[in-house]
Amino acid sequence: MKRLTVLAPLLLLLAGCVDQANPAPGPPATAPPTIAATPLIDPSLGPRGPRHQTGIPEAPSATLSPGQGLIDCGTVILEQGDKLPRTAAECFVDAASAGHRAYLAVTRPTVEGDPIPVTYTSNDSGHVEVVTDSRADGFGPKTITTEKCQGPRVGDYGVDFTKCVTK
């Protein structure tokens, strides 16, 4: 116990001897990066209408330049009769239309309830690759289909396109 009584004040005394102007050698402390205000790439992607007023986060990020980053618009598993949430469809359509890379994964059931995953991936040029995996469909073709699409828009049940070509 006597050692502890002697060591405690000694440690406190030594702690006060550290020179704050010349810290101990080692990796320098890094300051958090400063984020400058970046102008919107496409003003139409900024705050607008009901989405902004309801507190739903803006999607996609309007500070990305085409070719930078990947916007994840979500992974959605739908039940029989469900529609894709409009916010997920808008996220993907807005990003693809602005030339951003984006990803959206949707699984829909067949009439019998078999899951059919569909992935939407846009590239920098606004083209979209749609991959439909029907291998789990007990009554379907059990294939993976890849389409190259253009002109994404929000449809009644999800994302629609003006033109698609099967690869």
N, C-alpha and C. Protein backbone atom coordinates (compact mmCIF):
# COMPACT_ATOMS: atom_id res chain seq x y z
N MET A 1 0.82 -1.19 0.00
CA MET A 1 0.00 0.00 0.00
C MET A 1 0.87 1.25 0.00
N LYS A 2 2.03 1.14 0.71
CA LYS A 2 2.91 2.29 0.79
C LYS A 2 3.47 2.64 -0.59
N ARG A 3 3.78 1.59 -1.42
CA ARG A 3 4.29 1.83 -2.77
C ARG A 3 3.28 2.64 -3.60
N LEU A 4 2.01 2.27 -3.48
CA LEU A 4 0.96 2.95 -4.24
C LEU A 4 0.87 4.41 -3.83
N THR A 5 1.00 4.68 -2.55
CA THR A 5 0.93 6.03 -2.04
C THR A 5 2.08 6.87 -2.58
N VAL A 6 3.24 6.28 -2.76
CA VAL A 6 4.40 7.00 -3.27
C VAL A 6 4.33 7.12 -4.80
N LEU A 7 3.87 6.08 -5.47
CA LEU A 7 3.84 6.08 -6.93
C LEU A 7 2.77 7.01 -7.51
N ALA A 8 1.63 7.11 -6.89
CA ALA A 8 0.54 7.93 -7.42
C ALA A 8 0.96 9.39 -7.58
N PRO A 9 1.51 10.04 -6.54
CA PRO A 9 1.92 11.44 -6.73
C PRO A 9 3.05 11.58 -7.75
N LEU A 10 3.95 10.57 -7.80
CA LEU A 10 5.05 10.62 -8.75
C LEU A 10 4.53 10.57 -10.19
N LEU A 11 3.55 9.72 -10.44
CA LEU A 11 2.96 9.63 -11.78
C LEU A 11 2.25 10.93 -12.16
N LEU A 12 1.54 11.51 -11.23
CA LEU A 12 0.88 12.79 -11.51
C LEU A 12 1.89 13.88 -11.81
N LEU A 13 3.01 13.88 -11.08
CA LEU A 13 4.05 14.86 -11.30
C LEU A 13 4.65 14.70 -12.70
N LEU A 14 4.91 13.44 -13.10
CA LEU A 14 5.48 13.19 -14.43
C LEU A 14 4.49 13.53 -15.54
N ALA A 15 3.23 13.31 -15.31
CA ALA A 15 2.23 13.63 -16.32
C ALA A 15 2.21 15.12 -16.62
N GLY A 16 2.49 15.92 -15.64
CA GLY A 16 2.51 17.37 -15.85
C GLY A 16 3.76 17.84 -16.56
N CYS A 17 4.77 16.97 -16.73
CA CYS A 17 6.03 17.36 -17.37
C CYS A 17 6.01 17.22 -18.88
N VAL A 18 4.96 16.72 -19.45
CA VAL A 18 4.91 16.55 -20.90
C VAL A 18 4.84 17.92 -21.54
N ASP A 19 5.72 18.15 -22.49
CA ASP A 19 5.78 19.42 -23.20
C ASP A 19 4.72 19.41 -24.29
N GLN A 20 3.65 20.18 -24.11
CA GLN A 20 2.56 20.20 -25.06
C GLN A 20 2.97 20.84 -26.39
N ALA A 21 3.95 21.73 -26.38
CA ALA A 21 4.40 22.37 -27.60
C ALA A 21 5.21 21.41 -28.46
N ASN A 22 5.91 20.45 -27.83
CA ASN A 22 6.71 19.45 -28.53
C ASN A 22 6.26 18.07 -28.08
N PRO A 23 5.17 17.55 -28.66
CA PRO A 23 4.66 16.27 -28.22
C PRO A 23 5.63 15.14 -28.53
N ALA A 24 5.40 14.01 -27.91
CA ALA A 24 6.25 12.84 -28.09
C ALA A 24 6.29 12.45 -29.57
N PRO A 25 7.43 11.84 -29.99
CA PRO A 25 7.51 11.44 -31.39
C PRO A 25 6.46 10.39 -31.73
N GLY A 26 6.10 10.35 -32.97
CA GLY A 26 5.08 9.41 -33.43
C GLY A 26 4.33 10.04 -34.58
N PRO A 27 3.32 9.37 -35.04
CA PRO A 27 2.58 9.94 -36.16
C PRO A 27 1.89 11.23 -35.75
N PRO A 28 1.94 12.24 -36.62
CA PRO A 28 1.32 13.52 -36.26
C PRO A 28 -0.19 13.38 -36.18
N ALA A 29 -0.74 14.15 -35.27
CA ALA A 29 -2.20 14.15 -35.15
C ALA A 29 -2.77 14.83 -36.40
N THR A 30 -3.82 14.24 -36.94
CA THR A 30 -4.41 14.82 -38.14
C THR A 30 -5.71 15.51 -37.77
N ALA A 31 -5.89 16.65 -38.35
CA ALA A 31 -7.14 17.38 -38.14
C ALA A 31 -8.20 16.79 -39.05
N PRO A 32 -9.45 16.83 -38.64
CA PRO A 32 -10.49 16.32 -39.52
C PRO A 32 -10.53 17.13 -40.81
N PRO A 33 -10.81 16.48 -41.94
CA PRO A 33 -10.82 17.22 -43.20
C PRO A 33 -11.91 18.28 -43.19
N THR A 34 -11.60 19.39 -43.83
CA THR A 34 -12.56 20.47 -43.96
C THR A 34 -13.34 20.25 -45.24
N ILE A 35 -14.65 20.28 -45.14
CA ILE A 35 -15.49 20.10 -46.31
C ILE A 35 -16.00 21.46 -46.73
N ALA A 36 -15.56 21.87 -47.90
CA ALA A 36 -15.99 23.16 -48.43
C ALA A 36 -17.38 23.02 -49.03
N ALA A 37 -18.08 24.10 -49.06
CA ALA A 37 -19.41 24.07 -49.68
C ALA A 37 -19.23 23.79 -51.17
N THR A 38 -19.84 22.73 -51.64
CA THR A 38 -19.74 22.33 -53.04
C THR A 38 -21.04 22.68 -53.74
N PRO A 39 -20.95 23.35 -54.88
CA PRO A 39 -22.19 23.69 -55.59
C PRO A 39 -22.86 22.42 -56.12
N LEU A 40 -24.16 22.49 -56.27
CA LEU A 40 -24.90 21.35 -56.79
C LEU A 40 -24.50 21.08 -58.24
N ILE A 41 -24.33 19.80 -58.57
CA ILE A 41 -24.03 19.41 -59.95
C ILE A 41 -25.26 19.67 -60.81
N ASP A 42 -26.39 19.26 -60.32
CA ASP A 42 -27.65 19.42 -61.04
C ASP A 42 -28.65 20.00 -60.05
N PRO A 43 -29.00 21.28 -60.16
CA PRO A 43 -29.88 21.90 -59.19
C PRO A 43 -31.22 21.18 -59.02
N SER A 44 -31.64 20.44 -60.04
CA SER A 44 -32.92 19.75 -59.91
C SER A 44 -32.85 18.61 -58.90
N LEU A 45 -31.62 18.22 -58.50
CA LEU A 45 -31.48 17.16 -57.50
C LEU A 45 -31.44 17.70 -56.08
N GLY A 46 -31.47 19.00 -55.94
CA GLY A 46 -31.41 19.61 -54.62
C GLY A 46 -32.74 19.51 -53.90
N PRO A 47 -32.85 20.18 -52.74
CA PRO A 47 -34.08 20.13 -51.97
C PRO A 47 -35.28 20.55 -52.81
N ARG A 48 -36.34 19.76 -52.71
CA ARG A 48 -37.52 20.08 -53.51
C ARG A 48 -38.76 19.46 -52.88
N GLY A 49 -39.82 20.12 -53.10
CA GLY A 49 -41.16 19.63 -52.82
C GLY A 49 -41.32 18.77 -51.59
N PRO A 50 -42.25 17.82 -51.67
CA PRO A 50 -42.64 17.02 -50.52
C PRO A 50 -41.52 16.20 -49.90
N ARG A 51 -40.58 15.66 -50.70
CA ARG A 51 -39.53 14.85 -50.11
C ARG A 51 -38.72 15.66 -49.12
N HIS A 52 -38.40 16.90 -49.48
CA HIS A 52 -37.61 17.74 -48.59
C HIS A 52 -38.42 18.10 -47.34
N GLN A 53 -39.68 18.37 -47.49
CA GLN A 53 -40.51 18.79 -46.38
C GLN A 53 -40.84 17.65 -45.42
N THR A 54 -40.85 16.40 -45.89
CA THR A 54 -41.20 15.29 -45.01
C THR A 54 -40.02 14.74 -44.24
N GLY A 55 -38.82 15.24 -44.53
CA GLY A 55 -37.65 14.78 -43.79
C GLY A 55 -37.01 13.55 -44.39
N ILE A 56 -37.50 13.07 -45.53
CA ILE A 56 -36.86 11.94 -46.18
C ILE A 56 -35.55 12.44 -46.75
N PRO A 57 -34.43 11.73 -46.50
CA PRO A 57 -33.15 12.24 -46.97
C PRO A 57 -33.12 12.40 -48.48
N GLU A 58 -32.41 13.43 -48.91
CA GLU A 58 -32.26 13.66 -50.34
C GLU A 58 -31.46 12.53 -50.96
N ALA A 59 -31.82 12.13 -52.12
CA ALA A 59 -31.10 11.08 -52.82
C ALA A 59 -31.16 11.39 -54.28
N PRO A 60 -30.13 11.32 -54.98
CA PRO A 60 -28.78 11.00 -54.57
C PRO A 60 -28.04 12.24 -54.07
N SER A 61 -26.82 12.02 -53.63
CA SER A 61 -26.00 13.14 -53.20
C SER A 61 -25.72 14.02 -54.40
N ALA A 62 -26.06 15.27 -54.29
CA ALA A 62 -25.86 16.19 -55.41
C ALA A 62 -24.44 16.73 -55.44
N THR A 63 -23.59 16.33 -54.50
CA THR A 63 -22.22 16.82 -54.49
C THR A 63 -21.27 15.87 -55.21
N LEU A 64 -21.74 14.71 -55.66
CA LEU A 64 -20.89 13.81 -56.42
C LEU A 64 -20.80 14.28 -57.87
N SER A 65 -19.64 14.17 -58.43
CA SER A 65 -19.48 14.42 -59.85
C SER A 65 -19.68 13.10 -60.56
N PRO A 66 -20.13 13.12 -61.81
CA PRO A 66 -20.25 11.86 -62.53
C PRO A 66 -18.93 11.11 -62.48
N GLY A 67 -19.01 9.81 -62.23
CA GLY A 67 -17.81 8.97 -62.17
C GLY A 67 -17.26 8.80 -60.77
N GLN A 68 -17.80 9.50 -59.78
CA GLN A 68 -17.28 9.38 -58.43
C GLN A 68 -18.27 8.63 -57.56
N GLY A 69 -17.78 7.73 -56.74
CA GLY A 69 -18.60 7.06 -55.76
C GLY A 69 -19.69 6.19 -56.35
N LEU A 70 -20.39 5.50 -55.48
CA LEU A 70 -21.52 4.67 -55.85
C LEU A 70 -22.65 5.00 -54.89
N ILE A 71 -23.79 5.33 -55.44
CA ILE A 71 -24.94 5.64 -54.61
C ILE A 71 -25.72 4.36 -54.41
N ASP A 72 -25.87 3.95 -53.16
CA ASP A 72 -26.61 2.74 -52.84
C ASP A 72 -28.05 3.14 -52.54
N CYS A 73 -28.96 2.79 -53.44
CA CYS A 73 -30.37 3.16 -53.29
C CYS A 73 -31.16 2.11 -52.53
N GLY A 74 -30.49 1.09 -52.04
CA GLY A 74 -31.14 0.15 -51.15
C GLY A 74 -31.27 -1.26 -51.68
N THR A 75 -31.65 -2.14 -50.77
CA THR A 75 -31.97 -3.53 -51.05
C THR A 75 -33.36 -3.74 -50.49
N VAL A 76 -34.30 -4.09 -51.37
CA VAL A 76 -35.71 -4.18 -50.97
C VAL A 76 -36.23 -5.57 -51.28
N ILE A 77 -36.86 -6.19 -50.29
CA ILE A 77 -37.50 -7.48 -50.49
C ILE A 77 -39.00 -7.25 -50.37
N LEU A 78 -39.69 -7.46 -51.48
CA LEU A 78 -41.13 -7.19 -51.53
C LEU A 78 -41.94 -8.46 -51.28
N GLU A 79 -43.10 -8.28 -50.71
CA GLU A 79 -44.06 -9.36 -50.52
C GLU A 79 -45.06 -9.31 -51.67
N GLN A 80 -45.90 -10.30 -51.76
CA GLN A 80 -46.91 -10.40 -52.80
C GLN A 80 -47.74 -9.11 -52.85
N GLY A 81 -47.81 -8.46 -54.01
CA GLY A 81 -48.63 -7.26 -54.18
C GLY A 81 -47.97 -5.96 -53.77
N ASP A 82 -46.78 -6.01 -53.15
CA ASP A 82 -46.10 -4.78 -52.73
C ASP A 82 -45.54 -4.03 -53.92
N LYS A 83 -45.45 -2.71 -53.76
CA LYS A 83 -44.80 -1.87 -54.75
C LYS A 83 -43.45 -1.44 -54.19
N LEU A 84 -42.50 -1.18 -55.10
CA LEU A 84 -41.21 -0.66 -54.68
C LEU A 84 -41.43 0.71 -54.05
N PRO A 85 -40.84 0.96 -52.86
CA PRO A 85 -41.00 2.29 -52.26
C PRO A 85 -40.55 3.38 -53.24
N ARG A 86 -41.35 4.40 -53.34
CA ARG A 86 -41.08 5.47 -54.31
C ARG A 86 -39.71 6.12 -54.05
N THR A 87 -39.32 6.24 -52.79
CA THR A 87 -38.03 6.88 -52.49
C THR A 87 -36.87 6.08 -53.08
N ALA A 88 -36.96 4.75 -53.08
CA ALA A 88 -35.89 3.92 -53.65
C ALA A 88 -35.84 4.10 -55.16
N ALA A 89 -37.01 4.10 -55.80
CA ALA A 89 -37.07 4.28 -57.26
C ALA A 89 -36.57 5.68 -57.63
N GLU A 90 -36.97 6.70 -56.90
CA GLU A 90 -36.53 8.07 -57.19
C GLU A 90 -35.03 8.20 -57.01
N CYS A 91 -34.49 7.58 -55.96
CA CYS A 91 -33.05 7.62 -55.71
C CYS A 91 -32.31 7.10 -56.93
N PHE A 92 -32.72 5.92 -57.42
CA PHE A 92 -32.03 5.31 -58.55
C PHE A 92 -32.22 6.13 -59.83
N VAL A 93 -33.43 6.51 -60.14
CA VAL A 93 -33.71 7.25 -61.37
C VAL A 93 -32.97 8.59 -61.37
N ASP A 94 -33.00 9.32 -60.25
CA ASP A 94 -32.31 10.61 -60.16
C ASP A 94 -30.80 10.43 -60.37
N ALA A 95 -30.23 9.42 -59.72
CA ALA A 95 -28.79 9.19 -59.83
C ALA A 95 -28.40 8.81 -61.25
N ALA A 96 -29.11 7.85 -61.84
CA ALA A 96 -28.79 7.40 -63.20
C ALA A 96 -28.98 8.53 -64.20
N SER A 97 -30.02 9.31 -64.05
CA SER A 97 -30.30 10.41 -64.98
C SER A 97 -29.24 11.50 -64.89
N ALA A 98 -28.61 11.65 -63.73
CA ALA A 98 -27.58 12.67 -63.54
C ALA A 98 -26.18 12.14 -63.87
N GLY A 99 -26.09 10.89 -64.33
CA GLY A 99 -24.79 10.33 -64.69
C GLY A 99 -23.99 9.82 -63.52
N HIS A 100 -24.64 9.51 -62.42
CA HIS A 100 -23.96 8.95 -61.25
C HIS A 100 -24.03 7.43 -61.30
N ARG A 101 -23.05 6.78 -60.72
CA ARG A 101 -23.10 5.34 -60.56
C ARG A 101 -24.03 5.04 -59.38
N ALA A 102 -24.98 4.13 -59.60
CA ALA A 102 -25.94 3.82 -58.55
C ALA A 102 -26.30 2.34 -58.59
N TYR A 103 -26.83 1.85 -57.47
CA TYR A 103 -27.18 0.44 -57.33
C TYR A 103 -28.49 0.32 -56.57
N LEU A 104 -29.36 -0.56 -57.06
CA LEU A 104 -30.63 -0.85 -56.38
C LEU A 104 -30.89 -2.34 -56.56
N ALA A 105 -31.20 -3.03 -55.48
CA ALA A 105 -31.52 -4.46 -55.53
C ALA A 105 -32.95 -4.66 -55.05
N VAL A 106 -33.75 -5.36 -55.86
CA VAL A 106 -35.15 -5.59 -55.54
C VAL A 106 -35.45 -7.08 -55.72
N THR A 107 -36.09 -7.68 -54.73
CA THR A 107 -36.53 -9.07 -54.86
C THR A 107 -38.04 -9.06 -54.81
N ARG A 108 -38.66 -9.61 -55.87
CA ARG A 108 -40.12 -9.71 -55.98
C ARG A 108 -40.50 -11.18 -56.00
N PRO A 109 -41.65 -11.51 -55.42
CA PRO A 109 -42.10 -12.90 -55.49
C PRO A 109 -42.88 -13.16 -56.79
N THR A 110 -42.79 -14.39 -57.28
CA THR A 110 -43.66 -14.80 -58.38
C THR A 110 -45.06 -15.02 -57.82
N VAL A 111 -45.99 -15.38 -58.67
CA VAL A 111 -47.35 -15.68 -58.22
C VAL A 111 -47.33 -16.80 -57.18
N GLU A 112 -46.43 -17.75 -57.38
CA GLU A 112 -46.31 -18.89 -56.44
C GLU A 112 -45.50 -18.53 -55.20
N GLY A 113 -44.86 -17.36 -55.19
CA GLY A 113 -44.09 -16.93 -54.02
C GLY A 113 -42.59 -17.14 -54.14
N ASP A 114 -42.10 -17.59 -55.31
CA ASP A 114 -40.66 -17.79 -55.48
C ASP A 114 -39.97 -16.44 -55.63
N PRO A 115 -38.82 -16.23 -54.94
CA PRO A 115 -38.13 -14.93 -55.00
C PRO A 115 -37.38 -14.75 -56.31
N ILE A 116 -37.58 -13.59 -56.93
CA ILE A 116 -36.88 -13.24 -58.16
C ILE A 116 -36.09 -11.95 -57.91
N PRO A 117 -34.77 -12.07 -57.68
CA PRO A 117 -33.97 -10.87 -57.47
C PRO A 117 -33.66 -10.15 -58.78
N VAL A 118 -33.76 -8.83 -58.73
CA VAL A 118 -33.43 -7.98 -59.88
C VAL A 118 -32.49 -6.90 -59.35
N THR A 119 -31.34 -6.72 -60.03
CA THR A 119 -30.41 -5.65 -59.64
C THR A 119 -30.33 -4.63 -60.76
N TYR A 120 -30.33 -3.37 -60.36
CA TYR A 120 -30.20 -2.25 -61.28
C TYR A 120 -28.87 -1.57 -60.97
N THR A 121 -28.02 -1.42 -61.96
CA THR A 121 -26.73 -0.76 -61.77
C THR A 121 -26.53 0.25 -62.89
N SER A 122 -26.37 1.51 -62.53
CA SER A 122 -26.15 2.54 -63.55
C SER A 122 -24.66 2.86 -63.62
N ASN A 123 -24.22 3.29 -64.81
CA ASN A 123 -22.83 3.70 -64.95
C ASN A 123 -22.77 5.21 -65.17
N ASP A 124 -21.56 5.70 -65.41
CA ASP A 124 -21.35 7.14 -65.54
C ASP A 124 -22.09 7.76 -66.72
N SER A 125 -22.39 6.97 -67.74
CA SER A 125 -23.03 7.52 -68.94
C SER A 125 -24.55 7.51 -68.85
N GLY A 126 -25.09 7.01 -67.75
CA GLY A 126 -26.55 6.96 -67.59
C GLY A 126 -27.16 5.67 -68.09
N HIS A 127 -26.36 4.78 -68.66
CA HIS A 127 -26.89 3.48 -69.07
C HIS A 127 -27.06 2.61 -67.83
N VAL A 128 -28.05 1.73 -67.88
CA VAL A 128 -28.36 0.88 -66.73
C VAL A 128 -28.29 -0.58 -67.14
N GLU A 129 -27.67 -1.37 -66.30
CA GLU A 129 -27.66 -2.82 -66.49
C GLU A 129 -28.69 -3.40 -65.52
N VAL A 130 -29.62 -4.18 -66.06
CA VAL A 130 -30.66 -4.81 -65.25
C VAL A 130 -30.43 -6.32 -65.31
N VAL A 131 -30.17 -6.93 -64.17
CA VAL A 131 -29.92 -8.37 -64.10
C VAL A 131 -31.07 -9.01 -63.34
N THR A 132 -31.76 -9.94 -63.99
CA THR A 132 -32.88 -10.66 -63.39
C THR A 132 -32.50 -12.12 -63.23
N ASP A 133 -32.57 -12.62 -62.00
CA ASP A 133 -32.20 -14.00 -61.70
C ASP A 133 -33.46 -14.81 -61.41
N SER A 134 -33.89 -15.61 -62.38
CA SER A 134 -35.13 -16.39 -62.20
C SER A 134 -34.83 -17.86 -61.90
N ARG A 135 -33.62 -18.17 -61.42
CA ARG A 135 -33.27 -19.57 -61.14
C ARG A 135 -34.10 -20.18 -60.02
N ALA A 136 -34.65 -19.36 -59.13
CA ALA A 136 -35.46 -19.90 -58.03
C ALA A 136 -36.94 -20.06 -58.41
N ASP A 137 -37.29 -19.66 -59.63
CA ASP A 137 -38.68 -19.74 -60.08
C ASP A 137 -39.00 -21.19 -60.46
N GLY A 138 -39.87 -21.81 -59.68
CA GLY A 138 -40.23 -23.21 -59.90
C GLY A 138 -40.91 -23.45 -61.24
N PHE A 139 -41.53 -22.45 -61.82
CA PHE A 139 -42.25 -22.61 -63.09
C PHE A 139 -41.66 -21.77 -64.21
N GLY A 140 -40.54 -21.09 -63.96
CA GLY A 140 -39.96 -20.20 -64.96
C GLY A 140 -38.76 -20.81 -65.67
N PRO A 141 -38.05 -19.97 -66.42
CA PRO A 141 -36.95 -20.46 -67.25
C PRO A 141 -35.66 -20.80 -66.49
N LYS A 142 -35.55 -20.43 -65.23
CA LYS A 142 -34.36 -20.68 -64.41
C LYS A 142 -33.09 -20.16 -65.08
N THR A 143 -33.12 -18.89 -65.45
CA THR A 143 -31.99 -18.26 -66.12
C THR A 143 -31.63 -16.95 -65.43
N ILE A 144 -30.48 -16.42 -65.82
CA ILE A 144 -30.09 -15.07 -65.43
C ILE A 144 -30.10 -14.25 -66.71
N THR A 145 -30.90 -13.19 -66.72
CA THR A 145 -31.04 -12.34 -67.90
C THR A 145 -30.39 -10.99 -67.61
N THR A 146 -29.59 -10.51 -68.55
CA THR A 146 -28.96 -9.20 -68.42
C THR A 146 -29.44 -8.31 -69.55
N GLU A 147 -29.92 -7.12 -69.19
CA GLU A 147 -30.40 -6.15 -70.17
C GLU A 147 -29.62 -4.85 -70.01
N LYS A 148 -29.36 -4.16 -71.10
CA LYS A 148 -28.80 -2.81 -71.09
C LYS A 148 -29.96 -1.87 -71.39
N CYS A 149 -30.21 -0.93 -70.48
CA CYS A 149 -31.38 -0.07 -70.61
C CYS A 149 -31.00 1.41 -70.60
N GLN A 150 -31.91 2.23 -71.13
CA GLN A 150 -31.76 3.68 -71.15
C GLN A 150 -33.08 4.32 -70.73
N GLY A 151 -32.99 5.57 -70.33
CA GLY A 151 -34.19 6.35 -70.02
C GLY A 151 -34.94 5.86 -68.79
N PRO A 152 -34.26 5.74 -67.64
CA PRO A 152 -34.98 5.29 -66.45
C PRO A 152 -36.01 6.31 -66.00
N ARG A 153 -37.12 5.82 -65.50
CA ARG A 153 -38.16 6.69 -64.93
C ARG A 153 -38.90 5.91 -63.84
N VAL A 154 -39.47 6.64 -62.93
CA VAL A 154 -40.24 6.01 -61.85
C VAL A 154 -41.56 5.54 -62.43
N GLY A 155 -41.85 4.25 -62.28
CA GLY A 155 -43.10 3.68 -62.78
C GLY A 155 -44.03 3.33 -61.64
N ASP A 156 -45.18 2.77 -61.97
CA ASP A 156 -46.16 2.42 -60.95
C ASP A 156 -45.65 1.36 -59.97
N TYR A 157 -44.83 0.43 -60.45
CA TYR A 157 -44.35 -0.65 -59.58
C TYR A 157 -42.85 -0.64 -59.38
N GLY A 158 -42.18 0.41 -59.80
CA GLY A 158 -40.73 0.47 -59.61
C GLY A 158 -40.06 1.34 -60.64
N VAL A 159 -39.00 0.81 -61.25
CA VAL A 159 -38.23 1.55 -62.24
C VAL A 159 -38.58 1.02 -63.62
N ASP A 160 -38.98 1.92 -64.52
CA ASP A 160 -39.27 1.58 -65.91
C ASP A 160 -38.21 2.24 -66.79
N PHE A 161 -38.13 1.79 -68.05
CA PHE A 161 -37.14 2.33 -68.98
C PHE A 161 -37.79 2.60 -70.33
N THR A 162 -37.21 3.56 -71.08
CA THR A 162 -37.73 3.85 -72.41
C THR A 162 -37.25 2.81 -73.42
N LYS A 163 -36.07 2.21 -73.16
CA LYS A 163 -35.52 1.24 -74.10
C LYS A 163 -34.61 0.25 -73.35
N CYS A 164 -34.77 -1.06 -73.67
CA CYS A 164 -33.89 -2.09 -73.12
C CYS A 164 -33.53 -3.09 -74.21
N VAL A 165 -32.30 -3.57 -74.18
CA VAL A 165 -31.82 -4.57 -75.11
C VAL A 165 -31.21 -5.69 -74.29
N THR A 166 -31.61 -6.95 -74.59
CA THR A 166 -31.04 -8.10 -73.89
C THR A 166 -29.64 -8.36 -74.41
N LYS A 167 -28.71 -8.56 -73.50
CA LYS A 167 -27.31 -8.84 -73.87
C LYS A 167 -27.15 -10.25 -74.36
